[in-house]
Amino acid sequence: MKLTGKQKRFLRANANHLRPIFSVGKNGLNELWLNEVNQAVDSRELVKISIQQSADVDTDDVKEFIENNSDISVVQTIGKTVLLFNQSSNPKHRDISNGVFSL
Protein backbone atom coordinates (compact mmCIF):
# COMPACT_ATOMS: atom_id res chain seq x y z
CA MET A 1 0.00 0.00 0.00
CA LYS A 2 1.39 3.39 -0.98
CA LEU A 3 1.00 6.11 1.64
CA THR A 4 0.96 9.84 0.94
CA GLY A 5 3.05 12.36 2.85
CA LYS A 6 0.07 13.49 4.93
CA GLN A 7 -0.75 9.91 5.86
CA LYS A 8 2.84 9.21 6.90
CA ARG A 9 2.91 12.39 8.99
CA PHE A 10 -0.33 11.32 10.71
CA LEU A 11 1.12 7.87 11.46
CA ARG A 12 4.40 9.29 12.77
CA ALA A 13 2.45 11.59 15.11
CA ASN A 14 0.42 8.64 16.43
CA ALA A 15 3.54 6.51 16.87
CA ASN A 16 5.37 9.13 18.91
CA HIS A 17 4.29 7.58 22.22
CA LEU A 18 4.79 3.94 21.15
CA ARG A 19 7.62 1.75 22.37
CA PRO A 20 9.11 -0.99 20.19
CA ILE A 21 7.39 -4.32 20.81
CA PHE A 22 9.59 -6.42 18.53
CA SER A 23 13.32 -6.55 18.07
CA VAL A 24 15.71 -8.05 15.56
CA GLY A 25 18.68 -9.74 17.19
CA LYS A 26 21.49 -12.07 16.29
CA ASN A 27 19.03 -14.65 14.90
CA GLY A 28 18.15 -12.20 12.15
CA LEU A 29 15.04 -12.26 10.01
CA ASN A 30 12.95 -15.33 9.26
CA GLU A 31 9.40 -16.33 8.36
CA LEU A 32 8.43 -17.20 11.94
CA TRP A 33 9.47 -13.73 13.13
CA LEU A 34 7.57 -12.13 10.24
CA ASN A 35 4.41 -14.09 11.09
CA GLU A 36 4.54 -12.75 14.65
CA VAL A 37 4.99 -9.20 13.35
CA ASN A 38 2.07 -9.69 10.94
CA GLN A 39 -0.19 -10.75 13.81
CA ALA A 40 0.83 -7.78 15.93
CA VAL A 41 0.36 -5.30 13.09
CA ASP A 42 -3.02 -6.83 12.28
CA SER A 43 -4.25 -6.25 15.82
CA ARG A 44 -2.52 -2.91 16.52
CA GLU A 45 -2.11 -1.45 12.99
CA LEU A 46 0.93 0.59 14.05
CA VAL A 47 4.03 -1.15 15.46
CA LYS A 48 7.61 -0.15 16.19
CA ILE A 49 10.52 -2.57 15.80
CA SER A 50 14.00 -2.03 17.19
CA ILE A 51 17.19 -3.53 15.81
CA GLN A 52 19.66 -4.66 18.45
CA GLN A 53 23.36 -3.91 18.26
CA SER A 54 24.18 -7.62 17.93
CA ALA A 55 21.99 -7.98 14.82
CA ASP A 56 23.61 -8.90 11.53
CA VAL A 57 21.12 -6.76 9.60
CA ASP A 58 20.51 -3.02 9.39
CA THR A 59 17.31 -0.99 8.94
CA ASP A 60 17.47 -1.18 5.14
CA ASP A 61 17.62 -4.99 5.25
CA VAL A 62 14.67 -5.14 7.65
CA LYS A 63 12.66 -2.71 5.53
CA GLU A 64 13.33 -4.68 2.36
CA PHE A 65 12.52 -8.03 4.01
CA ILE A 66 9.21 -6.81 5.42
CA GLU A 67 8.04 -5.05 2.26
CA ASN A 68 8.98 -7.96 -0.03
CA ASN A 69 7.43 -10.70 2.11
CA SER A 70 4.26 -9.06 3.45
CA ASP A 71 1.64 -6.35 2.85
CA ILE A 72 2.99 -4.22 5.69
CA SER A 73 4.08 -0.67 4.86
CA VAL A 74 7.25 0.72 6.38
CA VAL A 75 6.34 4.27 7.38
CA GLN A 76 9.67 5.45 8.77
CA THR A 77 13.13 4.34 9.80
CA ILE A 78 15.06 6.33 12.39
CA GLY A 79 18.37 5.01 13.63
CA LYS A 80 17.72 1.41 14.62
CA THR A 81 13.94 1.78 14.84
CA VAL A 82 11.43 0.88 12.12
CA LEU A 83 7.79 2.01 12.12
CA LEU A 84 5.27 -0.34 10.45
CA PHE A 85 1.63 0.12 9.43
CA ASN A 86 -1.06 -2.05 7.87
CA GLN A 87 -4.84 -1.86 7.99
CA SER A 88 -6.34 -4.40 10.36
CA SER A 89 -8.49 -7.19 8.95
CA ASN A 90 -10.82 -6.80 11.95
CA PRO A 91 -13.03 -3.67 11.69
CA LYS A 92 -12.98 -3.31 15.51
CA HIS A 93 -9.22 -2.65 15.42
CA ARG A 94 -9.30 0.00 12.68
CA ASP A 95 -8.95 3.10 14.84
CA ILE A 96 -5.76 4.36 13.23
CA SER A 97 -6.53 3.32 9.65
CA ASN A 98 -9.85 5.17 9.73
CA GLY A 99 -7.91 8.36 10.42
CA VAL A 100 -5.28 7.56 7.79
CA PHE A 101 -7.70 6.91 4.97
CA SER A 102 -9.81 9.97 5.78
CA LEU A 103 -6.87 12.21 4.79
PDB file of N, CA and C in Angstrom:
ATOM      1  N   MET A   1       0.848  -1.167   0.000  1.00  0.00           N
ATOM      2  CA  MET A   1       0.000   0.000   0.000  1.00  0.00           C
ATOM      3  C   MET A   1       0.899   1.237   0.000  1.00  0.00           C
ATOM      4  N   LYS A   2       0.611   2.156  -0.869  1.00  0.00           N
ATOM      5  CA  LYS A   2       1.387   3.387  -0.979  1.00  0.00           C
ATOM      6  C   LYS A   2       0.727   4.465  -0.122  1.00  0.00           C
ATOM      7  N   LEU A   3       1.512   5.070   0.744  1.00  0.00           N
ATOM      8  CA  LEU A   3       1.004   6.108   1.638  1.00  0.00           C
ATOM      9  C   LEU A   3       1.465   7.474   1.160  1.00  0.00           C
ATOM     10  N   THR A   4       0.596   8.474   1.296  1.00  0.00           N
ATOM     11  CA  THR A   4       0.961   9.839   0.939  1.00  0.00           C
ATOM     12  C   THR A   4       1.752  10.476   2.077  1.00  0.00           C
ATOM     13  N   GLY A   5       2.290  11.641   1.829  1.00  0.00           N
ATOM     14  CA  GLY A   5       3.052  12.359   2.848  1.00  0.00           C
ATOM     15  C   GLY A   5       2.207  12.721   4.058  1.00  0.00           C
ATOM     16  N   LYS A   6       0.968  13.144   3.823  1.00  0.00           N
ATOM     17  CA  LYS A   6       0.068  13.490   4.931  1.00  0.00           C
ATOM     18  C   LYS A   6      -0.246  12.269   5.787  1.00  0.00           C
ATOM     19  N   GLN A   7      -0.456  11.140   5.129  1.00  0.00           N
ATOM     20  CA  GLN A   7      -0.753   9.914   5.864  1.00  0.00           C
ATOM     21  C   GLN A   7       0.443   9.479   6.703  1.00  0.00           C
ATOM     22  N   LYS A   8       1.639   9.571   6.145  1.00  0.00           N
ATOM     23  CA  LYS A   8       2.844   9.210   6.896  1.00  0.00           C
ATOM     24  C   LYS A   8       3.044  10.137   8.086  1.00  0.00           C
ATOM     25  N   ARG A   9       2.777  11.424   7.894  1.00  0.00           N
ATOM     26  CA  ARG A   9       2.909  12.386   8.989  1.00  0.00           C
ATOM     27  C   ARG A   9       1.917  12.064  10.105  1.00  0.00           C
ATOM     28  N   PHE A  10       0.686  11.707   9.739  1.00  0.00           N
ATOM     29  CA  PHE A  10      -0.332  11.316  10.715  1.00  0.00           C
ATOM     30  C   PHE A  10       0.118  10.084  11.498  1.00  0.00           C
ATOM     31  N   LEU A  11       0.662   9.094  10.803  1.00  0.00           N
ATOM     32  CA  LEU A  11       1.121   7.871  11.459  1.00  0.00           C
ATOM     33  C   LEU A  11       2.313   8.135  12.368  1.00  0.00           C
ATOM     34  N   ARG A  12       3.246   8.965  11.928  1.00  0.00           N
ATOM     35  CA  ARG A  12       4.403   9.294  12.773  1.00  0.00           C
ATOM     36  C   ARG A  12       3.957  10.007  14.044  1.00  0.00           C
ATOM     37  N   ALA A  13       2.965  10.882  13.930  1.00  0.00           N
ATOM     38  CA  ALA A  13       2.449  11.587  15.107  1.00  0.00           C
ATOM     39  C   ALA A  13       1.794  10.608  16.082  1.00  0.00           C
ATOM     40  N   ASN A  14       1.062   9.635  15.561  1.00  0.00           N
ATOM     41  CA  ASN A  14       0.417   8.645  16.428  1.00  0.00           C
ATOM     42  C   ASN A  14       1.410   7.669  17.031  1.00  0.00           C
ATOM     43  N   ALA A  15       2.537   7.471  16.382  1.00  0.00           N
ATOM     44  CA  ALA A  15       3.538   6.515  16.867  1.00  0.00           C
ATOM     45  C   ALA A  15       4.523   7.143  17.834  1.00  0.00           C
ATOM     46  N   ASN A  16       4.404   8.425  18.063  1.00  0.00           N
ATOM     47  CA  ASN A  16       5.367   9.128  18.910  1.00  0.00           C
ATOM     48  C   ASN A  16       5.439   8.546  20.319  1.00  0.00           C
ATOM     49  N   HIS A  17       4.336   8.102  20.847  1.00  0.00           N
ATOM     50  CA  HIS A  17       4.294   7.578  22.217  1.00  0.00           C
ATOM     51  C   HIS A  17       4.551   6.074  22.293  1.00  0.00           C
ATOM     52  N   LEU A  18       4.620   5.393  21.163  1.00  0.00           N
ATOM     53  CA  LEU A  18       4.786   3.936  21.155  1.00  0.00           C
ATOM     54  C   LEU A  18       6.211   3.519  21.492  1.00  0.00           C
ATOM     55  N   ARG A  19       6.316   2.375  22.126  1.00  0.00           N
ATOM     56  CA  ARG A  19       7.616   1.748  22.372  1.00  0.00           C
ATOM     57  C   ARG A  19       7.735   0.547  21.434  1.00  0.00           C
ATOM     58  N   PRO A  20       8.947   0.200  21.033  1.00  0.00           N
ATOM     59  CA  PRO A  20       9.114  -0.989  20.185  1.00  0.00           C
ATOM     60  C   PRO A  20       8.647  -2.253  20.905  1.00  0.00           C
ATOM     61  N   ILE A  21       7.865  -3.072  20.208  1.00  0.00           N
ATOM     62  CA  ILE A  21       7.386  -4.319  20.814  1.00  0.00           C
ATOM     63  C   ILE A  21       8.073  -5.538  20.213  1.00  0.00           C
ATOM     64  N   PHE A  22       8.810  -5.347  19.134  1.00  0.00           N
ATOM     65  CA  PHE A  22       9.593  -6.420  18.529  1.00  0.00           C
ATOM     66  C   PHE A  22      11.015  -5.943  18.364  1.00  0.00           C
ATOM     67  N   SER A  23      11.930  -6.899  18.332  1.00  0.00           N
ATOM     68  CA  SER A  23      13.322  -6.550  18.066  1.00  0.00           C
ATOM     69  C   SER A  23      13.936  -7.593  17.150  1.00  0.00           C
ATOM     70  N   VAL A  24      14.938  -7.158  16.424  1.00  0.00           N
ATOM     71  CA  VAL A  24      15.706  -8.046  15.559  1.00  0.00           C
ATOM     72  C   VAL A  24      17.055  -8.218  16.225  1.00  0.00           C
ATOM     73  N   GLY A  25      17.418  -9.461  16.500  1.00  0.00           N
ATOM     74  CA  GLY A  25      18.676  -9.738  17.188  1.00  0.00           C
ATOM     75  C   GLY A  25      19.630 -10.536  16.329  1.00  0.00           C
ATOM     76  N   LYS A  26      20.458 -11.313  16.996  1.00  0.00           N
ATOM     77  CA  LYS A  26      21.485 -12.070  16.288  1.00  0.00           C
ATOM     78  C   LYS A  26      20.907 -13.201  15.445  1.00  0.00           C
ATOM     79  N   ASN A  27      19.667 -13.607  15.720  1.00  0.00           N
ATOM     80  CA  ASN A  27      19.035 -14.648  14.904  1.00  0.00           C
ATOM     81  C   ASN A  27      18.562 -14.118  13.557  1.00  0.00           C
ATOM     82  N   GLY A  28      18.504 -12.809  13.421  1.00  0.00           N
ATOM     83  CA  GLY A  28      18.148 -12.202  12.145  1.00  0.00           C
ATOM     84  C   GLY A  28      16.675 -12.290  11.813  1.00  0.00           C
ATOM     85  N   LEU A  29      16.403 -12.281  10.517  1.00  0.00           N
ATOM     86  CA  LEU A  29      15.036 -12.258  10.007  1.00  0.00           C
ATOM     87  C   LEU A  29      14.657 -13.625   9.465  1.00  0.00           C
ATOM     88  N   ASN A  30      13.444 -14.073   9.805  1.00  0.00           N
ATOM     89  CA  ASN A  30      12.950 -15.332   9.255  1.00  0.00           C
ATOM     90  C   ASN A  30      11.429 -15.279   9.166  1.00  0.00           C
ATOM     91  N   GLU A  31      10.845 -16.301   8.577  1.00  0.00           N
ATOM     92  CA  GLU A  31       9.399 -16.331   8.359  1.00  0.00           C
ATOM     93  C   GLU A  31       8.607 -16.390   9.667  1.00  0.00           C
ATOM     94  N   LEU A  32       9.109 -17.104  10.649  1.00  0.00           N
ATOM     95  CA  LEU A  32       8.426 -17.197  11.939  1.00  0.00           C
ATOM     96  C   LEU A  32       8.336 -15.821  12.599  1.00  0.00           C
ATOM     97  N   TRP A  33       9.438 -15.081  12.578  1.00  0.00           N
ATOM     98  CA  TRP A  33       9.467 -13.726  13.131  1.00  0.00           C
ATOM     99  C   TRP A  33       8.480 -12.837  12.379  1.00  0.00           C
ATOM    100  N   LEU A  34       8.465 -12.949  11.051  1.00  0.00           N
ATOM    101  CA  LEU A  34       7.571 -12.127  10.238  1.00  0.00           C
ATOM    102  C   LEU A  34       6.104 -12.456  10.507  1.00  0.00           C
ATOM    103  N   ASN A  35       5.788 -13.718  10.751  1.00  0.00           N
ATOM    104  CA  ASN A  35       4.409 -14.086  11.085  1.00  0.00           C
ATOM    105  C   ASN A  35       3.969 -13.444  12.392  1.00  0.00           C
ATOM    106  N   GLU A  36       4.850 -13.403  13.375  1.00  0.00           N
ATOM    107  CA  GLU A  36       4.537 -12.748  14.652  1.00  0.00           C
ATOM    108  C   GLU A  36       4.315 -11.248  14.452  1.00  0.00           C
ATOM    109  N   VAL A  37       5.148 -10.632  13.638  1.00  0.00           N
ATOM    110  CA  VAL A  37       4.995  -9.202  13.348  1.00  0.00           C
ATOM    111  C   VAL A  37       3.675  -8.961  12.625  1.00  0.00           C
ATOM    112  N   ASN A  38       3.343  -9.813  11.669  1.00  0.00           N
ATOM    113  CA  ASN A  38       2.072  -9.687  10.944  1.00  0.00           C
ATOM    114  C   ASN A  38       0.882  -9.735  11.890  1.00  0.00           C
ATOM    115  N   GLN A  39       0.904 -10.649  12.844  1.00  0.00           N
ATOM    116  CA  GLN A  39      -0.193 -10.755  13.808  1.00  0.00           C
ATOM    117  C   GLN A  39      -0.292  -9.503  14.670  1.00  0.00           C
ATOM    118  N   ALA A  40       0.844  -8.980  15.094  1.00  0.00           N
ATOM    119  CA  ALA A  40       0.834  -7.776  15.926  1.00  0.00           C
ATOM    120  C   ALA A  40       0.342  -6.567  15.145  1.00  0.00           C
ATOM    121  N   VAL A  41       0.789  -6.428  13.912  1.00  0.00           N
ATOM    122  CA  VAL A  41       0.362  -5.299  13.089  1.00  0.00           C
ATOM    123  C   VAL A  41      -1.121  -5.425  12.755  1.00  0.00           C
ATOM    124  N   ASP A  42      -1.602  -6.640  12.579  1.00  0.00           N
ATOM    125  CA  ASP A  42      -3.016  -6.835  12.279  1.00  0.00           C
ATOM    126  C   ASP A  42      -3.899  -6.423  13.453  1.00  0.00           C
ATOM    127  N   SER A  43      -3.431  -6.623  14.668  1.00  0.00           N
ATOM    128  CA  SER A  43      -4.252  -6.251  15.824  1.00  0.00           C
ATOM    129  C   SER A  43      -4.025  -4.810  16.272  1.00  0.00           C
ATOM    130  N   ARG A  44      -2.826  -4.269  16.048  1.00  0.00           N
ATOM    131  CA  ARG A  44      -2.520  -2.914  16.521  1.00  0.00           C
ATOM    132  C   ARG A  44      -2.469  -1.874  15.414  1.00  0.00           C
ATOM    133  N   GLU A  45      -2.242  -2.279  14.187  1.00  0.00           N
ATOM    134  CA  GLU A  45      -2.107  -1.446  12.989  1.00  0.00           C
ATOM    135  C   GLU A  45      -0.801  -0.661  12.934  1.00  0.00           C
ATOM    136  N   LEU A  46      -0.285  -0.223  14.032  1.00  0.00           N
ATOM    137  CA  LEU A  46       0.931   0.587  14.055  1.00  0.00           C
ATOM    138  C   LEU A  46       1.894  -0.009  15.073  1.00  0.00           C
ATOM    139  N   VAL A  47       3.081  -0.423  14.609  1.00  0.00           N
ATOM    140  CA  VAL A  47       4.029  -1.146  15.456  1.00  0.00           C
ATOM    141  C   VAL A  47       5.432  -0.615  15.210  1.00  0.00           C
ATOM    142  N   LYS A  48       6.192  -0.505  16.293  1.00  0.00           N
ATOM    143  CA  LYS A  48       7.607  -0.154  16.188  1.00  0.00           C
ATOM    144  C   LYS A  48       8.458  -1.396  16.421  1.00  0.00           C
ATOM    145  N   ILE A  49       9.551  -1.475  15.664  1.00  0.00           N
ATOM    146  CA  ILE A  49      10.517  -2.566  15.800  1.00  0.00           C
ATOM    147  C   ILE A  49      11.882  -1.940  16.038  1.00  0.00           C
ATOM    148  N   SER A  50      12.630  -2.505  16.968  1.00  0.00           N
ATOM    149  CA  SER A  50      13.996  -2.031  17.194  1.00  0.00           C
ATOM    150  C   SER A  50      14.980  -3.088  16.710  1.00  0.00           C
ATOM    151  N   ILE A  51      16.138  -2.631  16.278  1.00  0.00           N
ATOM    152  CA  ILE A  51      17.194  -3.526  15.813  1.00  0.00           C
ATOM    153  C   ILE A  51      18.318  -3.463  16.836  1.00  0.00           C
ATOM    154  N   GLN A  52      18.636  -4.606  17.412  1.00  0.00           N
ATOM    155  CA  GLN A  52      19.659  -4.660  18.452  1.00  0.00           C
ATOM    156  C   GLN A  52      21.054  -4.489  17.857  1.00  0.00           C
ATOM    157  N   GLN A  53      21.990  -4.112  18.713  1.00  0.00           N
ATOM    158  CA  GLN A  53      23.363  -3.908  18.257  1.00  0.00           C
ATOM    159  C   GLN A  53      23.999  -5.200  17.770  1.00  0.00           C
ATOM    160  N   SER A  54      23.588  -6.337  18.309  1.00  0.00           N
ATOM    161  CA  SER A  54      24.180  -7.618  17.930  1.00  0.00           C
ATOM    162  C   SER A  54      23.602  -8.175  16.631  1.00  0.00           C
ATOM    163  N   ALA A  55      22.635  -7.487  16.038  1.00  0.00           N
ATOM    164  CA  ALA A  55      21.987  -7.982  14.821  1.00  0.00           C
ATOM    165  C   ALA A  55      22.930  -7.888  13.627  1.00  0.00           C
ATOM    166  N   ASP A  56      22.800  -8.871  12.741  1.00  0.00           N
ATOM    167  CA  ASP A  56      23.611  -8.897  11.526  1.00  0.00           C
ATOM    168  C   ASP A  56      22.997  -8.074  10.404  1.00  0.00           C
ATOM    169  N   VAL A  57      21.823  -7.523  10.627  1.00  0.00           N
ATOM    170  CA  VAL A  57      21.117  -6.757   9.600  1.00  0.00           C
ATOM    171  C   VAL A  57      20.988  -5.300  10.037  1.00  0.00           C
ATOM    172  N   ASP A  58      20.752  -4.422   9.067  1.00  0.00           N
ATOM    173  CA  ASP A  58      20.510  -3.019   9.386  1.00  0.00           C
ATOM    174  C   ASP A  58      19.068  -2.660   9.006  1.00  0.00           C
ATOM    175  N   THR A  59      18.699  -1.407   9.171  1.00  0.00           N
ATOM    176  CA  THR A  59      17.315  -0.994   8.937  1.00  0.00           C
ATOM    177  C   THR A  59      16.896  -1.192   7.481  1.00  0.00           C
ATOM    178  N   ASP A  60      17.812  -0.985   6.552  1.00  0.00           N
ATOM    179  CA  ASP A  60      17.471  -1.177   5.142  1.00  0.00           C
ATOM    180  C   ASP A  60      17.145  -2.636   4.842  1.00  0.00           C
ATOM    181  N   ASP A  61      17.895  -3.561   5.437  1.00  0.00           N
ATOM    182  CA  ASP A  61      17.624  -4.989   5.248  1.00  0.00           C
ATOM    183  C   ASP A  61      16.265  -5.369   5.827  1.00  0.00           C
ATOM    184  N   VAL A  62      15.954  -4.848   7.007  1.00  0.00           N
ATOM    185  CA  VAL A  62      14.669  -5.140   7.654  1.00  0.00           C
ATOM    186  C   VAL A  62      13.529  -4.577   6.815  1.00  0.00           C
ATOM    187  N   LYS A  63      13.683  -3.348   6.361  1.00  0.00           N
ATOM    188  CA  LYS A  63      12.655  -2.709   5.532  1.00  0.00           C
ATOM    189  C   LYS A  63      12.409  -3.519   4.261  1.00  0.00           C
ATOM    190  N   GLU A  64      13.456  -3.908   3.593  1.00  0.00           N
ATOM    191  CA  GLU A  64      13.332  -4.679   2.355  1.00  0.00           C
ATOM    192  C   GLU A  64      12.679  -6.041   2.606  1.00  0.00           C
ATOM    193  N   PHE A  65      13.085  -6.719   3.676  1.00  0.00           N
ATOM    194  CA  PHE A  65      12.524  -8.034   4.008  1.00  0.00           C
ATOM    195  C   PHE A  65      11.027  -7.942   4.280  1.00  0.00           C
ATOM    196  N   ILE A  66      10.622  -6.954   5.061  1.00  0.00           N
ATOM    197  CA  ILE A  66       9.208  -6.808   5.421  1.00  0.00           C
ATOM    198  C   ILE A  66       8.366  -6.439   4.205  1.00  0.00           C
ATOM    199  N   GLU A  67       8.830  -5.485   3.413  1.00  0.00           N
ATOM    200  CA  GLU A  67       8.044  -5.045   2.262  1.00  0.00           C
ATOM    201  C   GLU A  67       7.953  -6.113   1.175  1.00  0.00           C
ATOM    202  N   ASN A  68       8.994  -6.921   1.013  1.00  0.00           N
ATOM    203  CA  ASN A  68       8.983  -7.956  -0.025  1.00  0.00           C
ATOM    204  C   ASN A  68       8.182  -9.189   0.366  1.00  0.00           C
ATOM    205  N   ASN A  69       8.055  -9.469   1.656  1.00  0.00           N
ATOM    206  CA  ASN A  69       7.426 -10.705   2.112  1.00  0.00           C
ATOM    207  C   ASN A  69       6.079 -10.514   2.793  1.00  0.00           C
ATOM    208  N   SER A  70       5.548  -9.292   2.807  1.00  0.00           N
ATOM    209  CA  SER A  70       4.255  -9.056   3.450  1.00  0.00           C
ATOM    210  C   SER A  70       3.588  -7.828   2.840  1.00  0.00           C
ATOM    211  N   ASP A  71       2.382  -7.532   3.305  1.00  0.00           N
ATOM    212  CA  ASP A  71       1.636  -6.354   2.849  1.00  0.00           C
ATOM    213  C   ASP A  71       1.864  -5.150   3.753  1.00  0.00           C
ATOM    214  N   ILE A  72       2.731  -5.277   4.720  1.00  0.00           N
ATOM    215  CA  ILE A  72       2.985  -4.218   5.690  1.00  0.00           C
ATOM    216  C   ILE A  72       3.765  -3.081   5.037  1.00  0.00           C
ATOM    217  N   SER A  73       3.376  -1.844   5.349  1.00  0.00           N
ATOM    218  CA  SER A  73       4.085  -0.667   4.855  1.00  0.00           C
ATOM    219  C   SER A  73       5.065  -0.182   5.909  1.00  0.00           C
ATOM    220  N   VAL A  74       6.272   0.117   5.486  1.00  0.00           N
ATOM    221  CA  VAL A  74       7.253   0.723   6.376  1.00  0.00           C
ATOM    222  C   VAL A  74       7.057   2.229   6.271  1.00  0.00           C
ATOM    223  N   VAL A  75       6.649   2.844   7.366  1.00  0.00           N
ATOM    224  CA  VAL A  75       6.343   4.268   7.378  1.00  0.00           C
ATOM    225  C   VAL A  75       7.613   5.087   7.541  1.00  0.00           C
ATOM    226  N   GLN A  76       8.500   4.646   8.438  1.00  0.00           N
ATOM    227  CA  GLN A  76       9.672   5.447   8.766  1.00  0.00           C
ATOM    228  C   GLN A  76      10.753   4.568   9.367  1.00  0.00           C
ATOM    229  N   THR A  77      11.998   4.951   9.114  1.00  0.00           N
ATOM    230  CA  THR A  77      13.131   4.337   9.801  1.00  0.00           C
ATOM    231  C   THR A  77      13.961   5.460  10.406  1.00  0.00           C
ATOM    232  N   ILE A  78      14.215   5.355  11.690  1.00  0.00           N
ATOM    233  CA  ILE A  78      15.060   6.325  12.390  1.00  0.00           C
ATOM    234  C   ILE A  78      16.063   5.542  13.202  1.00  0.00           C
ATOM    235  N   GLY A  79      17.329   5.728  12.903  1.00  0.00           N
ATOM    236  CA  GLY A  79      18.366   5.012  13.629  1.00  0.00           C
ATOM    237  C   GLY A  79      18.168   3.522  13.501  1.00  0.00           C
ATOM    238  N   LYS A  80      17.945   2.855  14.614  1.00  0.00           N
ATOM    239  CA  LYS A  80      17.718   1.411  14.620  1.00  0.00           C
ATOM    240  C   LYS A  80      16.268   1.075  14.956  1.00  0.00           C
ATOM    241  N   THR A  81      15.365   1.975  14.601  1.00  0.00           N
ATOM    242  CA  THR A  81      13.938   1.776  14.840  1.00  0.00           C
ATOM    243  C   THR A  81      13.181   1.862  13.521  1.00  0.00           C
ATOM    244  N   VAL A  82      12.247   0.930  13.334  1.00  0.00           N
ATOM    245  CA  VAL A  82      11.429   0.876  12.119  1.00  0.00           C
ATOM    246  C   VAL A  82       9.965   0.967  12.530  1.00  0.00           C
ATOM    247  N   LEU A  83       9.211   1.823  11.855  1.00  0.00           N
ATOM    248  CA  LEU A  83       7.788   2.005  12.124  1.00  0.00           C
ATOM    249  C   LEU A  83       6.980   1.337  11.016  1.00  0.00           C
ATOM    250  N   LEU A  84       6.055   0.442  11.405  1.00  0.00           N
ATOM    251  CA  LEU A  84       5.270  -0.342  10.454  1.00  0.00           C
ATOM    252  C   LEU A  84       3.787  -0.033  10.579  1.00  0.00           C
ATOM    253  N   PHE A  85       3.075  -0.107   9.441  1.00  0.00           N
ATOM    254  CA  PHE A  85       1.631   0.117   9.426  1.00  0.00           C
ATOM    255  C   PHE A  85       0.980  -0.826   8.423  1.00  0.00           C
ATOM    256  N   ASN A  86      -0.198  -1.312   8.781  1.00  0.00           N
ATOM    257  CA  ASN A  86      -1.063  -2.047   7.866  1.00  0.00           C
ATOM    258  C   ASN A  86      -2.479  -1.992   8.424  1.00  0.00           C
ATOM    259  N   GLN A  87      -3.454  -1.890   7.547  1.00  0.00           N
ATOM    260  CA  GLN A  87      -4.842  -1.855   7.990  1.00  0.00           C
ATOM    261  C   GLN A  87      -5.232  -3.206   8.571  1.00  0.00           C
ATOM    262  N   SER A  88      -5.916  -3.176   9.687  1.00  0.00           N
ATOM    263  CA  SER A  88      -6.345  -4.398  10.363  1.00  0.00           C
ATOM    264  C   SER A  88      -7.446  -5.096   9.573  1.00  0.00           C
ATOM    265  N   SER A  89      -7.429  -6.424   9.615  1.00  0.00           N
ATOM    266  CA  SER A  89      -8.488  -7.185   8.947  1.00  0.00           C
ATOM    267  C   SER A  89      -9.777  -7.176   9.774  1.00  0.00           C
ATOM    268  N   ASN A  90      -9.667  -6.860  11.061  1.00  0.00           N
ATOM    269  CA  ASN A  90     -10.818  -6.796  11.954  1.00  0.00           C
ATOM    270  C   ASN A  90     -11.302  -5.343  12.046  1.00  0.00           C
ATOM    271  N   PRO A  91     -12.537  -5.051  11.642  1.00  0.00           N
ATOM    272  CA  PRO A  91     -13.032  -3.673  11.692  1.00  0.00           C
ATOM    273  C   PRO A  91     -12.998  -3.048  13.088  1.00  0.00           C
ATOM    274  N   LYS A  92     -13.024  -3.846  14.146  1.00  0.00           N
ATOM    275  CA  LYS A  92     -12.980  -3.309  15.507  1.00  0.00           C
ATOM    276  C   LYS A  92     -11.617  -2.702  15.838  1.00  0.00           C
ATOM    277  N   HIS A  93     -10.575  -3.117  15.140  1.00  0.00           N
ATOM    278  CA  HIS A  93      -9.220  -2.648  15.420  1.00  0.00           C
ATOM    279  C   HIS A  93      -8.776  -1.536  14.473  1.00  0.00           C
ATOM    280  N   ARG A  94      -9.669  -0.968  13.705  1.00  0.00           N
ATOM    281  CA  ARG A  94      -9.296   0.004  12.679  1.00  0.00           C
ATOM    282  C   ARG A  94      -9.358   1.452  13.154  1.00  0.00           C
ATOM    283  N   ASP A  95      -8.918   1.731  14.334  1.00  0.00           N
ATOM    284  CA  ASP A  95      -8.945   3.099  14.843  1.00  0.00           C
ATOM    285  C   ASP A  95      -7.987   3.997  14.070  1.00  0.00           C
ATOM    286  N   ILE A  96      -6.777   3.547  13.886  1.00  0.00           N
ATOM    287  CA  ILE A  96      -5.756   4.363  13.229  1.00  0.00           C
ATOM    288  C   ILE A  96      -6.003   4.439  11.731  1.00  0.00           C
ATOM    289  N   SER A  97      -6.345   3.320  11.108  1.00  0.00           N
ATOM    290  CA  SER A  97      -6.525   3.321   9.654  1.00  0.00           C
ATOM    291  C   SER A  97      -7.718   4.171   9.221  1.00  0.00           C
ATOM    292  N   ASN A  98      -8.733   4.284  10.063  1.00  0.00           N
ATOM    293  CA  ASN A  98      -9.848   5.167   9.728  1.00  0.00           C
ATOM    294  C   ASN A  98      -9.367   6.607   9.613  1.00  0.00           C
ATOM    295  N   GLY A  99      -8.481   7.017  10.501  1.00  0.00           N
ATOM    296  CA  GLY A  99      -7.909   8.356  10.422  1.00  0.00           C
ATOM    297  C   GLY A  99      -6.983   8.524   9.235  1.00  0.00           C
ATOM    298  N   VAL A 100      -6.224   7.485   8.911  1.00  0.00           N
ATOM    299  CA  VAL A 100      -5.277   7.555   7.792  1.00  0.00           C
ATOM    300  C   VAL A 100      -6.013   7.706   6.472  1.00  0.00           C
ATOM    301  N   PHE A 101      -7.023   6.898   6.256  1.00  0.00           N
ATOM    302  CA  PHE A 101      -7.704   6.905   4.968  1.00  0.00           C
ATOM    303  C   PHE A 101      -8.715   8.035   4.830  1.00  0.00           C
ATOM    304  N   SER A 102      -8.950   8.800   5.894  1.00  0.00           N
ATOM    305  CA  SER A 102      -9.814   9.971   5.783  1.00  0.00           C
ATOM    306  C   SER A 102      -9.037  11.191   5.291  1.00  0.00           C
ATOM    307  N   LEU A 103      -7.697  11.083   5.257  1.00  0.00           N
ATOM    308  CA  LEU A 103      -6.873  12.209   4.793  1.00  0.00           C
ATOM    309  C   LEU A 103      -6.830  12.270   3.289  1.00  0.00           C
TER     310      LEU A 103
END
